[in-house]
Amino acid sequence: MNHDPGVRTMNPARIIDEHSPANIPIPDEQAAETCLTWPVAERRVAQWFEENRAALDSSNAYVENHGLPLAPSRSF
């Protein structure tokens, strides 16, 4: 069991509660997990990118302006 509070696990019951349209009961928890896991994960990834956009843009700008930090050491 993962005790790291920063790591979220996919709990089907929670996913159903949070994302079931109009709270329509879904009889099969396995089917609910299958149907909802990917869209929920995609939404979480999109949210992470939005929350971290400034840091990503800053890193990309640095590389554009200065190149890769260890580029002179590359052998290819």
N, C-alpha and C. Protein backbone atom coordinates (compact mmCIF):
# COMPACT_ATOMS: atom_id res chain seq x y z
N MET A 1 0.84 -1.19 0.00
CA MET A 1 0.00 0.00 0.00
C MET A 1 0.88 1.24 0.00
N ASN A 2 0.52 2.21 -0.81
CA ASN A 2 1.29 3.43 -0.92
C ASN A 2 0.83 4.43 0.14
N HIS A 3 1.74 4.86 0.99
CA HIS A 3 1.39 5.80 2.05
C HIS A 3 1.81 7.22 1.72
N ASP A 4 2.29 7.46 0.52
CA ASP A 4 2.70 8.80 0.10
C ASP A 4 1.44 9.62 -0.16
N PRO A 5 1.20 10.68 0.63
CA PRO A 5 -0.02 11.47 0.44
C PRO A 5 -0.05 12.22 -0.89
N GLY A 6 1.10 12.36 -1.55
CA GLY A 6 1.13 13.06 -2.82
C GLY A 6 0.72 12.19 -4.00
N VAL A 7 0.57 10.89 -3.77
CA VAL A 7 0.22 9.97 -4.84
C VAL A 7 -1.26 9.63 -4.72
N ARG A 8 -1.98 9.89 -5.80
CA ARG A 8 -3.41 9.56 -5.82
C ARG A 8 -3.59 8.18 -6.42
N THR A 9 -4.52 7.44 -5.85
CA THR A 9 -4.85 6.14 -6.41
C THR A 9 -6.23 6.23 -7.04
N MET A 10 -6.49 5.36 -7.98
CA MET A 10 -7.78 5.33 -8.63
C MET A 10 -8.72 4.48 -7.79
N ASN A 11 -9.62 5.11 -7.09
CA ASN A 11 -10.62 4.43 -6.28
C ASN A 11 -11.93 4.46 -7.05
N PRO A 12 -12.39 3.31 -7.56
CA PRO A 12 -13.60 3.32 -8.39
C PRO A 12 -14.81 3.96 -7.73
N ALA A 13 -15.00 3.71 -6.45
CA ALA A 13 -16.16 4.30 -5.78
C ALA A 13 -16.07 5.82 -5.77
N ARG A 14 -14.87 6.34 -5.51
CA ARG A 14 -14.70 7.80 -5.51
C ARG A 14 -14.87 8.36 -6.91
N ILE A 15 -14.34 7.64 -7.91
CA ILE A 15 -14.48 8.09 -9.29
C ILE A 15 -15.95 8.15 -9.67
N ILE A 16 -16.70 7.13 -9.29
CA ILE A 16 -18.14 7.12 -9.59
C ILE A 16 -18.82 8.30 -8.93
N ASP A 17 -18.53 8.52 -7.66
CA ASP A 17 -19.16 9.64 -6.94
C ASP A 17 -18.82 10.98 -7.57
N GLU A 18 -17.56 11.18 -7.97
CA GLU A 18 -17.13 12.47 -8.50
C GLU A 18 -17.56 12.71 -9.94
N HIS A 19 -17.68 11.64 -10.74
CA HIS A 19 -17.80 11.85 -12.17
C HIS A 19 -19.03 11.22 -12.82
N SER A 20 -19.86 10.59 -12.06
CA SER A 20 -21.06 10.01 -12.65
C SER A 20 -22.00 11.14 -13.07
N PRO A 21 -22.36 11.21 -14.35
CA PRO A 21 -23.24 12.29 -14.80
C PRO A 21 -24.57 12.24 -14.08
N ALA A 22 -24.93 13.34 -13.50
CA ALA A 22 -26.21 13.48 -12.79
C ALA A 22 -26.37 12.43 -11.69
N ASN A 23 -25.24 11.92 -11.20
CA ASN A 23 -25.24 10.91 -10.15
C ASN A 23 -26.12 9.71 -10.49
N ILE A 24 -26.10 9.30 -11.74
CA ILE A 24 -26.83 8.12 -12.17
C ILE A 24 -26.12 6.91 -11.61
N PRO A 25 -26.82 6.02 -10.94
CA PRO A 25 -26.16 4.85 -10.39
C PRO A 25 -25.57 3.96 -11.48
N ILE A 26 -24.36 3.51 -11.27
CA ILE A 26 -23.71 2.60 -12.21
C ILE A 26 -23.64 1.25 -11.50
N PRO A 27 -24.34 0.24 -12.01
CA PRO A 27 -24.48 -1.01 -11.26
C PRO A 27 -23.20 -1.83 -11.15
N ASP A 28 -22.35 -1.77 -12.12
CA ASP A 28 -21.17 -2.62 -12.12
C ASP A 28 -19.94 -1.76 -11.87
N GLU A 29 -19.33 -1.93 -10.71
CA GLU A 29 -18.18 -1.11 -10.33
C GLU A 29 -17.01 -1.32 -11.28
N GLN A 30 -16.82 -2.55 -11.76
CA GLN A 30 -15.74 -2.82 -12.71
C GLN A 30 -15.97 -2.07 -14.01
N ALA A 31 -17.20 -2.07 -14.50
CA ALA A 31 -17.51 -1.33 -15.73
C ALA A 31 -17.31 0.16 -15.52
N ALA A 32 -17.69 0.64 -14.36
CA ALA A 32 -17.50 2.06 -14.06
C ALA A 32 -16.03 2.42 -14.05
N GLU A 33 -15.23 1.57 -13.44
CA GLU A 33 -13.79 1.84 -13.40
C GLU A 33 -13.20 1.85 -14.81
N THR A 34 -13.61 0.90 -15.61
CA THR A 34 -13.10 0.81 -16.98
C THR A 34 -13.51 2.03 -17.79
N CYS A 35 -14.75 2.45 -17.66
CA CYS A 35 -15.26 3.57 -18.46
C CYS A 35 -14.74 4.92 -17.99
N LEU A 36 -14.46 5.04 -16.71
CA LEU A 36 -14.13 6.35 -16.16
C LEU A 36 -12.64 6.59 -15.91
N THR A 37 -11.85 5.55 -15.79
CA THR A 37 -10.45 5.72 -15.42
C THR A 37 -9.69 6.56 -16.43
N TRP A 38 -9.79 6.24 -17.73
CA TRP A 38 -9.03 6.98 -18.74
C TRP A 38 -9.46 8.44 -18.83
N PRO A 39 -10.73 8.76 -18.94
CA PRO A 39 -11.10 10.18 -19.01
C PRO A 39 -10.69 10.96 -17.77
N VAL A 40 -10.81 10.34 -16.60
CA VAL A 40 -10.41 11.02 -15.36
C VAL A 40 -8.90 11.23 -15.36
N ALA A 41 -8.14 10.22 -15.76
CA ALA A 41 -6.68 10.36 -15.81
C ALA A 41 -6.28 11.45 -16.81
N GLU A 42 -6.94 11.48 -17.96
CA GLU A 42 -6.64 12.51 -18.95
C GLU A 42 -6.94 13.90 -18.40
N ARG A 43 -8.04 14.03 -17.68
CA ARG A 43 -8.38 15.32 -17.08
C ARG A 43 -7.35 15.73 -16.04
N ARG A 44 -6.89 14.77 -15.25
CA ARG A 44 -5.88 15.07 -14.23
C ARG A 44 -4.56 15.49 -14.87
N VAL A 45 -4.18 14.83 -15.96
CA VAL A 45 -2.96 15.21 -16.67
C VAL A 45 -3.09 16.62 -17.22
N ALA A 46 -4.22 16.92 -17.85
CA ALA A 46 -4.44 18.26 -18.39
C ALA A 46 -4.41 19.31 -17.28
N GLN A 47 -4.99 18.97 -16.14
CA GLN A 47 -4.98 19.90 -15.00
C GLN A 47 -3.56 20.11 -14.49
N TRP A 48 -2.75 19.03 -14.43
CA TRP A 48 -1.37 19.16 -13.97
C TRP A 48 -0.59 20.08 -14.91
N PHE A 49 -0.75 19.88 -16.23
CA PHE A 49 -0.05 20.73 -17.19
C PHE A 49 -0.47 22.19 -17.03
N GLU A 50 -1.75 22.43 -16.80
CA GLU A 50 -2.22 23.81 -16.62
C GLU A 50 -1.62 24.41 -15.35
N GLU A 51 -1.61 23.65 -14.27
CA GLU A 51 -1.06 24.15 -13.00
C GLU A 51 0.44 24.40 -13.08
N ASN A 52 1.13 23.67 -13.94
CA ASN A 52 2.59 23.78 -14.03
C ASN A 52 3.06 24.46 -15.31
N ARG A 53 2.16 25.09 -16.03
CA ARG A 53 2.48 25.72 -17.31
C ARG A 53 3.59 26.75 -17.18
N ALA A 54 3.57 27.57 -16.15
CA ALA A 54 4.60 28.61 -15.99
C ALA A 54 5.99 28.00 -15.86
N ALA A 55 6.10 26.94 -15.07
CA ALA A 55 7.41 26.30 -14.89
C ALA A 55 7.87 25.64 -16.19
N LEU A 56 6.96 25.00 -16.89
CA LEU A 56 7.31 24.36 -18.16
C LEU A 56 7.75 25.40 -19.19
N ASP A 57 6.99 26.50 -19.28
CA ASP A 57 7.35 27.56 -20.23
C ASP A 57 8.70 28.17 -19.89
N SER A 58 8.97 28.34 -18.61
CA SER A 58 10.25 28.90 -18.17
C SER A 58 11.41 27.97 -18.55
N SER A 59 11.24 26.69 -18.33
CA SER A 59 12.29 25.72 -18.69
C SER A 59 12.51 25.69 -20.19
N ASN A 60 11.43 25.71 -20.95
CA ASN A 60 11.55 25.69 -22.41
C ASN A 60 12.23 26.97 -22.92
N ALA A 61 11.91 28.10 -22.31
CA ALA A 61 12.53 29.36 -22.72
C ALA A 61 14.03 29.34 -22.42
N TYR A 62 14.40 28.78 -21.28
CA TYR A 62 15.82 28.69 -20.93
C TYR A 62 16.58 27.88 -21.99
N VAL A 63 16.02 26.74 -22.36
CA VAL A 63 16.69 25.88 -23.36
C VAL A 63 16.75 26.59 -24.71
N GLU A 64 15.69 27.30 -25.07
CA GLU A 64 15.71 28.03 -26.34
C GLU A 64 16.79 29.11 -26.34
N ASN A 65 16.96 29.79 -25.21
CA ASN A 65 17.93 30.89 -25.12
C ASN A 65 19.36 30.42 -24.91
N HIS A 66 19.55 29.34 -24.16
CA HIS A 66 20.89 28.92 -23.76
C HIS A 66 21.30 27.55 -24.29
N GLY A 67 20.38 26.82 -24.89
CA GLY A 67 20.67 25.46 -25.33
C GLY A 67 20.60 24.49 -24.16
N LEU A 68 20.82 23.23 -24.48
CA LEU A 68 20.80 22.22 -23.43
C LEU A 68 22.04 22.38 -22.56
N PRO A 69 21.89 22.29 -21.23
CA PRO A 69 23.02 22.53 -20.34
C PRO A 69 24.23 21.63 -20.60
N LEU A 70 24.03 20.39 -20.94
CA LEU A 70 25.15 19.47 -21.14
C LEU A 70 25.38 19.15 -22.61
N ALA A 71 24.87 19.97 -23.51
CA ALA A 71 25.02 19.72 -24.94
C ALA A 71 26.49 19.57 -25.37
N PRO A 72 27.43 20.37 -24.86
CA PRO A 72 28.83 20.19 -25.28
C PRO A 72 29.42 18.83 -24.91
N SER A 73 28.86 18.18 -23.92
CA SER A 73 29.37 16.89 -23.48
C SER A 73 28.80 15.70 -24.25
N ARG A 74 27.80 15.97 -25.09
CA ARG A 74 27.17 14.86 -25.83
C ARG A 74 28.11 14.33 -26.90
N SER A 75 28.11 13.03 -27.06
CA SER A 75 28.98 12.40 -28.04
C SER A 75 28.24 12.06 -29.33
N PHE A 76 27.00 12.43 -29.44
CA PHE A 76 26.24 12.14 -30.67
C PHE A 76 25.62 13.40 -31.22
